[in-house]
Amino acid sequence: MKKSRPPKKRPEEIKRDPLKELGMTEEDWAEFAHGVKLFNLGKFWHSHEAWEQIWLRHDEDERLFFQGLIQLAASYHQLVAKGNYRGLINNFEKAYDKLAVFQPEYLGVLVSPLLVFIQQGKKEAVRLGPAGLQGFNYNLIPKLQFHKPSNPDLLVEIGEVLRSDRFLEGTKLFNSGFHWEAHEAWEDVWREQEGDAKTFVQAFVQMAAAYSFLKRARSSSAKYLFEKAIEKFGEYENLDCEIAIRPLIQSMMHALEAIGQSPGNGTASLVDGSPPMLHLSPG
């Protein structure tokens, strides 16, 4: 017999105190991460379908979070694939109401910044009107910042990487403004890694290369690499390692804003998006 779906609840019907986290299975986490990756690649309908599988498997009130993400993905699908003004606005409003219940962060996703993007996107859509959506500023489409559950073994592995001579050499070069040289040093470290540690180091490689391109006013290349680095760092944002990851993400987000605000997205400079200083705390 097919299991009946639990009734949908409005955001105001959800008890916020205490707000629990869904009991996610390994299958759920894999589907969740896959949906995040699809969303960040601009495959909004496919991310919608991935998250819907999790939503259907749960009957807890907190599944509303996934409904909010589904409607957020639907918003951008209506914008990018259909140019549907009313569908965009309606889904923006529904997604905002649901996700607001879960701010500032839920299941490893930074929710508060998403709410800002929704507000900015809605404002942009209203400004353009139904006939002008082709002029929508796609820099107002967010990248989801998501970190996986903590992994003690990974923390030890990353600690060893951060304290390695070649990584420290890259850190010194980066802090001295030699971003391409830092990229090369970290790339040597990256080649020696496997699994999640390899992805972690690759984020540093891409960050350094992005700042190098920004220095040379190659904004398109810088933007691409900043987005890639932010996506990777997002998986490790809450990892308690020797380098704080969140300030790195924030600095790169600031650089992306500078690129997006520059005329023609082609004249942003290193002055507009200053790189962070890397500091290793005692291990």
C-alpha atoms as a PDB file:
ATOM      1  CA  MET A   1       0.000   0.000   0.000  1.00  0.00           C
ATOM      2  CA  LYS A   2       1.374   3.382  -0.999  1.00  0.00           C
ATOM      3  CA  LYS A   3       2.308   5.580   1.934  1.00  0.00           C
ATOM      4  CA  SER A   4       0.115   8.677   2.112  1.00  0.00           C
ATOM      5  CA  ARG A   5       1.864  12.011   2.174  1.00  0.00           C
ATOM      6  CA  PRO A   6       1.629  14.059   5.360  1.00  0.00           C
ATOM      7  CA  PRO A   7      -0.372  17.277   5.013  1.00  0.00           C
ATOM      8  CA  LYS A   8       1.572  20.357   4.028  1.00  0.00           C
ATOM      9  CA  LYS A   9       2.017  23.020   6.684  1.00  0.00           C
ATOM     10  CA  ARG A  10       2.363  26.762   6.345  1.00  0.00           C
ATOM     11  CA  PRO A  11       5.551  28.378   7.687  1.00  0.00           C
ATOM     12  CA  GLU A  12       3.622  29.996  10.533  1.00  0.00           C
ATOM     13  CA  GLU A  13       2.381  26.560  11.632  1.00  0.00           C
ATOM     14  CA  ILE A  14       5.898  25.250  12.274  1.00  0.00           C
ATOM     15  CA  LYS A  15       7.041  25.283  15.899  1.00  0.00           C
ATOM     16  CA  ARG A  16      10.344  27.162  15.880  1.00  0.00           C
ATOM     17  CA  ASP A  17      11.354  26.417  19.451  1.00  0.00           C
ATOM     18  CA  PRO A  18      12.890  23.951  19.430  1.00  0.00           C
ATOM     19  CA  LEU A  19      13.581  23.642  15.714  1.00  0.00           C
ATOM     20  CA  LYS A  20      15.064  20.210  15.107  1.00  0.00           C
ATOM     21  CA  GLU A  21      17.269  19.002  12.290  1.00  0.00           C
ATOM     22  CA  LEU A  22      15.891  16.308  10.033  1.00  0.00           C
ATOM     23  CA  GLY A  23      17.188  12.808  10.670  1.00  0.00           C
ATOM     24  CA  MET A  24      19.111  12.633   7.410  1.00  0.00           C
ATOM     25  CA  THR A  25      20.211   9.250   6.077  1.00  0.00           C
ATOM     26  CA  GLU A  26      23.357   8.754   3.986  1.00  0.00           C
ATOM     27  CA  GLU A  27      21.073   8.596   0.954  1.00  0.00           C
ATOM     28  CA  ASP A  28      19.516  11.922   1.963  1.00  0.00           C
ATOM     29  CA  TRP A  29      22.905  13.611   2.404  1.00  0.00           C
ATOM     30  CA  ALA A  30      24.098  12.329  -0.968  1.00  0.00           C
ATOM     31  CA  GLU A  31      20.916  13.554  -2.675  1.00  0.00           C
ATOM     32  CA  PHE A  32      21.184  16.872  -0.837  1.00  0.00           C
ATOM     33  CA  ALA A  33      24.795  17.462  -1.890  1.00  0.00           C
ATOM     34  CA  HIS A  34      23.949  16.443  -5.457  1.00  0.00           C
ATOM     35  CA  GLY A  35      21.109  18.969  -5.514  1.00  0.00           C
ATOM     36  CA  VAL A  36      23.419  21.710  -4.227  1.00  0.00           C
ATOM     37  CA  LYS A  37      25.940  20.927  -6.958  1.00  0.00           C
ATOM     38  CA  LEU A  38      23.237  21.006  -9.636  1.00  0.00           C
ATOM     39  CA  PHE A  39      21.865  24.292  -8.304  1.00  0.00           C
ATOM     40  CA  ASN A  40      25.314  25.898  -8.341  1.00  0.00           C
ATOM     41  CA  LEU A  41      25.784  24.712 -11.932  1.00  0.00           C
ATOM     42  CA  GLY A  42      22.574  26.488 -12.917  1.00  0.00           C
ATOM     43  CA  LYS A  43      20.632  23.245 -13.410  1.00  0.00           C
ATOM     44  CA  PHE A  44      17.758  24.475 -11.302  1.00  0.00           C
ATOM     45  CA  TRP A  45      15.049  22.033 -12.344  1.00  0.00           C
ATOM     46  CA  HIS A  46      17.334  19.067 -11.775  1.00  0.00           C
ATOM     47  CA  SER A  47      18.242  20.345  -8.293  1.00  0.00           C
ATOM     48  CA  HIS A  48      14.517  20.777  -7.638  1.00  0.00           C
ATOM     49  CA  GLU A  49      13.965  17.104  -8.499  1.00  0.00           C
ATOM     50  CA  ALA A  50      16.884  15.907  -6.341  1.00  0.00           C
ATOM     51  CA  TRP A  51      15.616  17.759  -3.268  1.00  0.00           C
ATOM     52  CA  GLU A  52      12.056  16.634  -3.888  1.00  0.00           C
ATOM     53  CA  GLN A  53      13.155  13.031  -3.321  1.00  0.00           C
ATOM     54  CA  ILE A  54      14.286  13.949   0.211  1.00  0.00           C
ATOM     55  CA  TRP A  55      11.121  15.945   0.868  1.00  0.00           C
ATOM     56  CA  LEU A  56       8.975  12.975  -0.144  1.00  0.00           C
ATOM     57  CA  ARG A  57      10.864  10.594   2.166  1.00  0.00           C
ATOM     58  CA  HIS A  58      10.209  12.682   5.291  1.00  0.00           C
ATOM     59  CA  ASP A  59       7.092  13.562   7.218  1.00  0.00           C
ATOM     60  CA  GLU A  60       8.612  15.805   9.918  1.00  0.00           C
ATOM     61  CA  ASP A  61       7.578  19.458  10.024  1.00  0.00           C
ATOM     62  CA  GLU A  62      11.160  20.444   9.250  1.00  0.00           C
ATOM     63  CA  ARG A  63      10.864  19.048   5.737  1.00  0.00           C
ATOM     64  CA  LEU A  64       9.495  22.528   5.016  1.00  0.00           C
ATOM     65  CA  PHE A  65      13.161  23.494   4.585  1.00  0.00           C
ATOM     66  CA  PHE A  66      13.408  21.347   1.478  1.00  0.00           C
ATOM     67  CA  GLN A  67      10.155  22.727   0.145  1.00  0.00           C
ATOM     68  CA  GLY A  68      11.710  26.187   0.468  1.00  0.00           C
ATOM     69  CA  LEU A  69      14.805  25.091  -1.458  1.00  0.00           C
ATOM     70  CA  ILE A  70      12.624  23.430  -4.093  1.00  0.00           C
ATOM     71  CA  GLN A  71      10.682  26.652  -4.597  1.00  0.00           C
ATOM     72  CA  LEU A  72      13.905  28.667  -4.697  1.00  0.00           C
ATOM     73  CA  ALA A  73      15.173  26.417  -7.503  1.00  0.00           C
ATOM     74  CA  ALA A  74      11.789  26.750  -9.217  1.00  0.00           C
ATOM     75  CA  SER A  75      12.148  30.546  -9.047  1.00  0.00           C
ATOM     76  CA  TYR A  76      15.343  30.544 -11.055  1.00  0.00           C
ATOM     77  CA  HIS A  77      13.994  27.902 -13.432  1.00  0.00           C
ATOM     78  CA  GLN A  78      11.068  30.220 -14.157  1.00  0.00           C
ATOM     79  CA  LEU A  79      13.556  33.038 -14.769  1.00  0.00           C
ATOM     80  CA  VAL A  80      16.238  31.276 -16.820  1.00  0.00           C
ATOM     81  CA  ALA A  81      14.304  28.621 -18.727  1.00  0.00           C
ATOM     82  CA  LYS A  82      10.873  30.195 -19.103  1.00  0.00           C
ATOM     83  CA  GLY A  83      11.147  33.949 -18.584  1.00  0.00           C
ATOM     84  CA  ASN A  84       7.953  33.673 -16.532  1.00  0.00           C
ATOM     85  CA  TYR A  85       7.579  36.810 -14.430  1.00  0.00           C
ATOM     86  CA  ARG A  86       4.603  35.681 -12.344  1.00  0.00           C
ATOM     87  CA  GLY A  87       6.120  32.241 -11.710  1.00  0.00           C
ATOM     88  CA  LEU A  88       9.378  33.886 -10.626  1.00  0.00           C
ATOM     89  CA  ILE A  89       7.724  36.286  -8.181  1.00  0.00           C
ATOM     90  CA  ASN A  90       5.345  33.677  -6.733  1.00  0.00           C
ATOM     91  CA  ASN A  91       8.121  31.173  -6.077  1.00  0.00           C
ATOM     92  CA  PHE A  92      10.397  33.873  -4.649  1.00  0.00           C
ATOM     93  CA  GLU A  93       7.706  34.768  -2.116  1.00  0.00           C
ATOM     94  CA  LYS A  94       6.944  31.154  -1.183  1.00  0.00           C
ATOM     95  CA  ALA A  95      10.629  30.253  -0.875  1.00  0.00           C
ATOM     96  CA  TYR A  96      11.347  33.297   1.282  1.00  0.00           C
ATOM     97  CA  ASP A  97       8.526  32.554   3.735  1.00  0.00           C
ATOM     98  CA  LYS A  98       9.635  28.958   4.199  1.00  0.00           C
ATOM     99  CA  LEU A  99      13.399  29.489   4.364  1.00  0.00           C
ATOM    100  CA  ALA A 100      13.013  32.383   6.817  1.00  0.00           C
ATOM    101  CA  VAL A 101      11.887  29.833   9.414  1.00  0.00           C
ATOM    102  CA  PHE A 102      15.339  28.220   9.284  1.00  0.00           C
ATOM    103  CA  GLN A 103      17.693  31.198   9.422  1.00  0.00           C
ATOM    104  CA  PRO A 104      20.521  31.807  10.045  1.00  0.00           C
ATOM    105  CA  GLU A 105      21.691  28.277   9.126  1.00  0.00           C
ATOM    106  CA  TYR A 106      20.131  24.865   8.724  1.00  0.00           C
ATOM    107  CA  LEU A 107      21.560  21.492   7.679  1.00  0.00           C
ATOM    108  CA  GLY A 108      24.836  23.168   6.813  1.00  0.00           C
ATOM    109  CA  VAL A 109      23.281  25.767   4.487  1.00  0.00           C
ATOM    110  CA  LEU A 110      23.726  29.469   5.208  1.00  0.00           C
ATOM    111  CA  VAL A 111      20.097  30.567   4.979  1.00  0.00           C
ATOM    112  CA  SER A 112      20.319  34.275   5.860  1.00  0.00           C
ATOM    113  CA  PRO A 113      22.362  35.201   2.737  1.00  0.00           C
ATOM    114  CA  LEU A 114      19.825  33.332   0.586  1.00  0.00           C
ATOM    115  CA  LEU A 115      17.051  35.527   1.946  1.00  0.00           C
ATOM    116  CA  VAL A 116      19.018  38.617   0.916  1.00  0.00           C
ATOM    117  CA  PHE A 117      19.469  37.215  -2.597  1.00  0.00           C
ATOM    118  CA  ILE A 118      15.733  36.499  -2.833  1.00  0.00           C
ATOM    119  CA  GLN A 119      14.897  40.066  -1.811  1.00  0.00           C
ATOM    120  CA  GLN A 120      17.408  41.512  -4.268  1.00  0.00           C
ATOM    121  CA  GLY A 121      16.209  39.214  -7.051  1.00  0.00           C
ATOM    122  CA  LYS A 122      12.577  40.122  -6.488  1.00  0.00           C
ATOM    123  CA  LYS A 123      13.451  43.829  -6.466  1.00  0.00           C
ATOM    124  CA  GLU A 124      15.360  43.402  -9.746  1.00  0.00           C
ATOM    125  CA  ALA A 125      12.468  41.496 -11.353  1.00  0.00           C
ATOM    126  CA  VAL A 126       9.928  44.128 -10.297  1.00  0.00           C
ATOM    127  CA  ARG A 127      12.196  46.872 -11.642  1.00  0.00           C
ATOM    128  CA  LEU A 128      12.475  45.137 -15.019  1.00  0.00           C
ATOM    129  CA  GLY A 129       8.847  44.065 -15.253  1.00  0.00           C
ATOM    130  CA  PRO A 130       7.413  41.093 -17.198  1.00  0.00           C
ATOM    131  CA  ALA A 131       8.752  42.332 -20.530  1.00  0.00           C
ATOM    132  CA  GLY A 132      12.278  43.022 -19.309  1.00  0.00           C
ATOM    133  CA  LEU A 133      13.388  39.806 -17.595  1.00  0.00           C
ATOM    134  CA  GLN A 134      16.006  39.174 -20.277  1.00  0.00           C
ATOM    135  CA  GLY A 135      17.934  42.033 -18.664  1.00  0.00           C
ATOM    136  CA  PHE A 136      18.006  40.353 -15.236  1.00  0.00           C
ATOM    137  CA  ASN A 137      21.419  40.593 -13.543  1.00  0.00           C
ATOM    138  CA  TYR A 138      22.464  36.949 -13.171  1.00  0.00           C
ATOM    139  CA  ASN A 139      24.975  37.937 -10.488  1.00  0.00           C
ATOM    140  CA  LEU A 140      21.890  38.107  -8.249  1.00  0.00           C
ATOM    141  CA  ILE A 141      21.520  34.319  -8.481  1.00  0.00           C
ATOM    142  CA  PRO A 142      23.267  32.873  -5.406  1.00  0.00           C
ATOM    143  CA  LYS A 143      25.585  29.928  -4.986  1.00  0.00           C
ATOM    144  CA  LEU A 144      24.482  27.670  -2.147  1.00  0.00           C
ATOM    145  CA  GLN A 145      27.045  27.421   0.640  1.00  0.00           C
ATOM    146  CA  PHE A 146      26.819  23.925   2.087  1.00  0.00           C
ATOM    147  CA  HIS A 147      29.129  21.984   4.388  1.00  0.00           C
ATOM    148  CA  LYS A 148      28.949  18.273   5.025  1.00  0.00           C
ATOM    149  CA  PRO A 149      28.723  16.790   8.537  1.00  0.00           C
ATOM    150  CA  SER A 150      32.007  16.927  10.417  1.00  0.00           C
ATOM    151  CA  ASN A 151      34.531  14.156   9.839  1.00  0.00           C
ATOM    152  CA  PRO A 152      37.185  13.765  12.597  1.00  0.00           C
ATOM    153  CA  ASP A 153      39.528  11.828  10.301  1.00  0.00           C
ATOM    154  CA  LEU A 154      39.299  14.555   7.682  1.00  0.00           C
ATOM    155  CA  LEU A 155      40.115  17.188  10.313  1.00  0.00           C
ATOM    156  CA  VAL A 156      43.347  15.366  11.181  1.00  0.00           C
ATOM    157  CA  GLU A 157      44.222  14.961   7.504  1.00  0.00           C
ATOM    158  CA  ILE A 158      43.612  18.626   6.730  1.00  0.00           C
ATOM    159  CA  GLY A 159      45.628  19.681   9.773  1.00  0.00           C
ATOM    160  CA  GLU A 160      48.610  17.778   8.394  1.00  0.00           C
ATOM    161  CA  VAL A 161      48.165  19.451   5.006  1.00  0.00           C
ATOM    162  CA  LEU A 162      47.990  22.950   6.495  1.00  0.00           C
ATOM    163  CA  ARG A 163      51.187  22.386   8.478  1.00  0.00           C
ATOM    164  CA  SER A 164      53.141  20.948   5.532  1.00  0.00           C
ATOM    165  CA  ASP A 165      56.142  22.963   4.348  1.00  0.00           C
ATOM    166  CA  ARG A 166      54.859  23.451   0.804  1.00  0.00           C
ATOM    167  CA  PHE A 167      51.416  24.619   1.948  1.00  0.00           C
ATOM    168  CA  LEU A 168      53.023  27.066   4.396  1.00  0.00           C
ATOM    169  CA  GLU A 169      55.230  28.314   1.571  1.00  0.00           C
ATOM    170  CA  GLY A 170      52.094  28.978  -0.485  1.00  0.00           C
ATOM    171  CA  THR A 171      50.524  30.805   2.450  1.00  0.00           C
ATOM    172  CA  LYS A 172      53.553  33.079   2.779  1.00  0.00           C
ATOM    173  CA  LEU A 173      53.502  33.821  -0.958  1.00  0.00           C
ATOM    174  CA  PHE A 174      49.757  34.536  -0.902  1.00  0.00           C
ATOM    175  CA  ASN A 175      50.061  36.948   2.025  1.00  0.00           C
ATOM    176  CA  SER A 176      52.920  38.721   0.215  1.00  0.00           C
ATOM    177  CA  GLY A 177      50.739  39.320  -2.839  1.00  0.00           C
ATOM    178  CA  PHE A 178      52.347  36.644  -5.031  1.00  0.00           C
ATOM    179  CA  HIS A 179      49.050  34.974  -5.821  1.00  0.00           C
ATOM    180  CA  TRP A 180      50.080  33.028  -8.924  1.00  0.00           C
ATOM    181  CA  GLU A 181      53.158  31.682  -7.162  1.00  0.00           C
ATOM    182  CA  ALA A 182      50.945  30.669  -4.211  1.00  0.00           C
ATOM    183  CA  HIS A 183      48.650  28.932  -6.692  1.00  0.00           C
ATOM    184  CA  GLU A 184      51.619  26.927  -7.981  1.00  0.00           C
ATOM    185  CA  ALA A 185      52.802  25.957  -4.487  1.00  0.00           C
ATOM    186  CA  TRP A 186      49.343  24.827  -3.423  1.00  0.00           C
ATOM    187  CA  GLU A 187      48.887  22.968  -6.695  1.00  0.00           C
ATOM    188  CA  ASP A 188      51.905  20.837  -5.753  1.00  0.00           C
ATOM    189  CA  VAL A 189      50.182  20.008  -2.451  1.00  0.00           C
ATOM    190  CA  TRP A 190      46.895  19.316  -4.246  1.00  0.00           C
ATOM    191  CA  ARG A 191      48.511  16.699  -6.492  1.00  0.00           C
ATOM    192  CA  GLU A 192      49.535  14.690  -3.429  1.00  0.00           C
ATOM    193  CA  GLN A 193      46.056  14.527  -1.871  1.00  0.00           C
ATOM    194  CA  GLU A 194      43.064  12.233  -2.276  1.00  0.00           C
ATOM    195  CA  GLY A 195      39.351  12.535  -1.598  1.00  0.00           C
ATOM    196  CA  ASP A 196      37.989  15.438   0.453  1.00  0.00           C
ATOM    197  CA  ALA A 197      41.456  16.738   1.342  1.00  0.00           C
ATOM    198  CA  LYS A 198      42.177  17.118  -2.371  1.00  0.00           C
ATOM    199  CA  THR A 199      39.004  19.171  -2.826  1.00  0.00           C
ATOM    200  CA  PHE A 200      39.940  21.298   0.200  1.00  0.00           C
ATOM    201  CA  VAL A 201      43.369  22.178  -1.219  1.00  0.00           C
ATOM    202  CA  GLN A 202      41.915  22.746  -4.683  1.00  0.00           C
ATOM    203  CA  ALA A 203      39.799  25.536  -3.213  1.00  0.00           C
ATOM    204  CA  PHE A 204      43.003  27.328  -2.160  1.00  0.00           C
ATOM    205  CA  VAL A 205      44.503  26.771  -5.622  1.00  0.00           C
ATOM    206  CA  GLN A 206      41.446  28.282  -7.302  1.00  0.00           C
ATOM    207  CA  MET A 207      41.250  31.179  -4.838  1.00  0.00           C
ATOM    208  CA  ALA A 208      44.878  32.154  -5.445  1.00  0.00           C
ATOM    209  CA  ALA A 209      44.481  31.906  -9.223  1.00  0.00           C
ATOM    210  CA  ALA A 210      41.304  34.010  -9.054  1.00  0.00           C
ATOM    211  CA  TYR A 211      43.070  36.841  -7.218  1.00  0.00           C
ATOM    212  CA  SER A 212      45.927  36.616  -9.711  1.00  0.00           C
ATOM    213  CA  PHE A 213      43.491  37.027 -12.606  1.00  0.00           C
ATOM    214  CA  LEU A 214      41.716  39.873 -10.806  1.00  0.00           C
ATOM    215  CA  LYS A 215      45.076  41.630 -10.392  1.00  0.00           C
ATOM    216  CA  ARG A 216      45.484  41.427 -14.176  1.00  0.00           C
ATOM    217  CA  ALA A 217      41.912  42.718 -14.746  1.00  0.00           C
ATOM    218  CA  ARG A 218      40.823  39.371 -16.224  1.00  0.00           C
ATOM    219  CA  SER A 219      37.476  39.563 -14.481  1.00  0.00           C
ATOM    220  CA  SER A 220      35.693  36.744 -16.318  1.00  0.00           C
ATOM    221  CA  SER A 221      38.375  34.212 -15.398  1.00  0.00           C
ATOM    222  CA  ALA A 222      38.504  35.561 -11.843  1.00  0.00           C
ATOM    223  CA  LYS A 223      34.722  35.302 -11.473  1.00  0.00           C
ATOM    224  CA  TYR A 224      34.688  31.688 -12.676  1.00  0.00           C
ATOM    225  CA  LEU A 225      37.440  30.643 -10.257  1.00  0.00           C
ATOM    226  CA  PHE A 226      36.001  32.588  -7.319  1.00  0.00           C
ATOM    227  CA  GLU A 227      32.696  30.763  -7.783  1.00  0.00           C
ATOM    228  CA  LYS A 228      34.461  27.401  -7.970  1.00  0.00           C
ATOM    229  CA  ALA A 229      36.527  28.139  -4.849  1.00  0.00           C
ATOM    230  CA  ILE A 230      33.498  29.365  -2.899  1.00  0.00           C
ATOM    231  CA  GLU A 231      31.575  26.219  -3.815  1.00  0.00           C
ATOM    232  CA  LYS A 232      34.405  24.000  -2.569  1.00  0.00           C
ATOM    233  CA  PHE A 233      35.149  26.019   0.570  1.00  0.00           C
ATOM    234  CA  GLY A 234      31.436  25.916   1.402  1.00  0.00           C
ATOM    235  CA  GLU A 235      31.769  22.199   2.151  1.00  0.00           C
ATOM    236  CA  TYR A 236      34.345  22.936   4.875  1.00  0.00           C
ATOM    237  CA  GLU A 237      33.078  26.241   6.238  1.00  0.00           C
ATOM    238  CA  ASN A 238      32.380  24.983   9.748  1.00  0.00           C
ATOM    239  CA  LEU A 239      35.434  22.741   9.917  1.00  0.00           C
ATOM    240  CA  ASP A 240      37.420  23.635  13.030  1.00  0.00           C
ATOM    241  CA  CYS A 241      40.820  23.773  11.328  1.00  0.00           C
ATOM    242  CA  GLU A 242      43.825  26.075  11.627  1.00  0.00           C
ATOM    243  CA  ILE A 243      42.571  28.479   8.943  1.00  0.00           C
ATOM    244  CA  ALA A 244      39.123  30.044   9.336  1.00  0.00           C
ATOM    245  CA  ILE A 245      37.257  29.320   6.112  1.00  0.00           C
ATOM    246  CA  ARG A 246      34.273  31.654   6.451  1.00  0.00           C
ATOM    247  CA  PRO A 247      36.348  34.888   6.148  1.00  0.00           C
ATOM    248  CA  LEU A 248      37.864  33.514   2.933  1.00  0.00           C
ATOM    249  CA  ILE A 249      34.397  32.946   1.493  1.00  0.00           C
ATOM    250  CA  GLN A 250      33.277  36.405   2.574  1.00  0.00           C
ATOM    251  CA  SER A 251      36.306  38.048   0.948  1.00  0.00           C
ATOM    252  CA  MET A 252      35.660  36.226  -2.311  1.00  0.00           C
ATOM    253  CA  MET A 253      31.964  37.124  -2.197  1.00  0.00           C
ATOM    254  CA  HIS A 254      33.038  40.765  -1.848  1.00  0.00           C
ATOM    255  CA  ALA A 255      35.309  40.363  -4.879  1.00  0.00           C
ATOM    256  CA  LEU A 256      32.427  38.860  -6.868  1.00  0.00           C
ATOM    257  CA  GLU A 257      30.234  41.815  -5.925  1.00  0.00           C
ATOM    258  CA  ALA A 258      32.943  44.177  -7.179  1.00  0.00           C
ATOM    259  CA  ILE A 259      33.121  42.281 -10.466  1.00  0.00           C
ATOM    260  CA  GLY A 260      29.344  42.324 -10.829  1.00  0.00           C
ATOM    261  CA  GLN A 261      29.139  46.062 -10.186  1.00  0.00           C
ATOM    262  CA  SER A 262      31.923  47.038 -12.600  1.00  0.00           C
ATOM    263  CA  PRO A 263      30.876  48.415 -16.012  1.00  0.00           C
ATOM    264  CA  GLY A 264      30.525  45.512 -18.391  1.00  0.00           C
ATOM    265  CA  ASN A 265      31.842  43.153 -15.698  1.00  0.00           C
ATOM    266  CA  GLY A 266      35.286  43.717 -17.166  1.00  0.00           C
ATOM    267  CA  THR A 267      37.093  46.422 -15.223  1.00  0.00           C
ATOM    268  CA  ALA A 268      37.067  45.294 -11.592  1.00  0.00           C
ATOM    269  CA  SER A 269      40.519  45.311 -10.036  1.00  0.00           C
ATOM    270  CA  LEU A 270      42.342  43.926  -7.031  1.00  0.00           C
ATOM    271  CA  VAL A 271      41.608  47.221  -5.270  1.00  0.00           C
ATOM    272  CA  ASP A 272      37.878  46.494  -5.518  1.00  0.00           C
ATOM    273  CA  GLY A 273      38.193  42.945  -4.158  1.00  0.00           C
ATOM    274  CA  SER A 274      41.132  42.881  -1.776  1.00  0.00           C
ATOM    275  CA  PRO A 275      42.364  39.377  -0.873  1.00  0.00           C
ATOM    276  CA  PRO A 276      42.329  38.213   2.755  1.00  0.00           C
ATOM    277  CA  MET A 277      45.390  37.570   4.897  1.00  0.00           C
ATOM    278  CA  LEU A 278      45.762  33.921   5.843  1.00  0.00           C
ATOM    279  CA  HIS A 279      46.509  33.186   9.483  1.00  0.00           C
ATOM    280  CA  LEU A 280      47.090  29.707  10.878  1.00  0.00           C
ATOM    281  CA  SER A 281      46.011  29.278  14.467  1.00  0.00           C
ATOM    282  CA  PRO A 282      48.146  27.035  16.708  1.00  0.00           C
ATOM    283  CA  GLY A 283      47.422  23.365  16.032  1.00  0.00           C
END
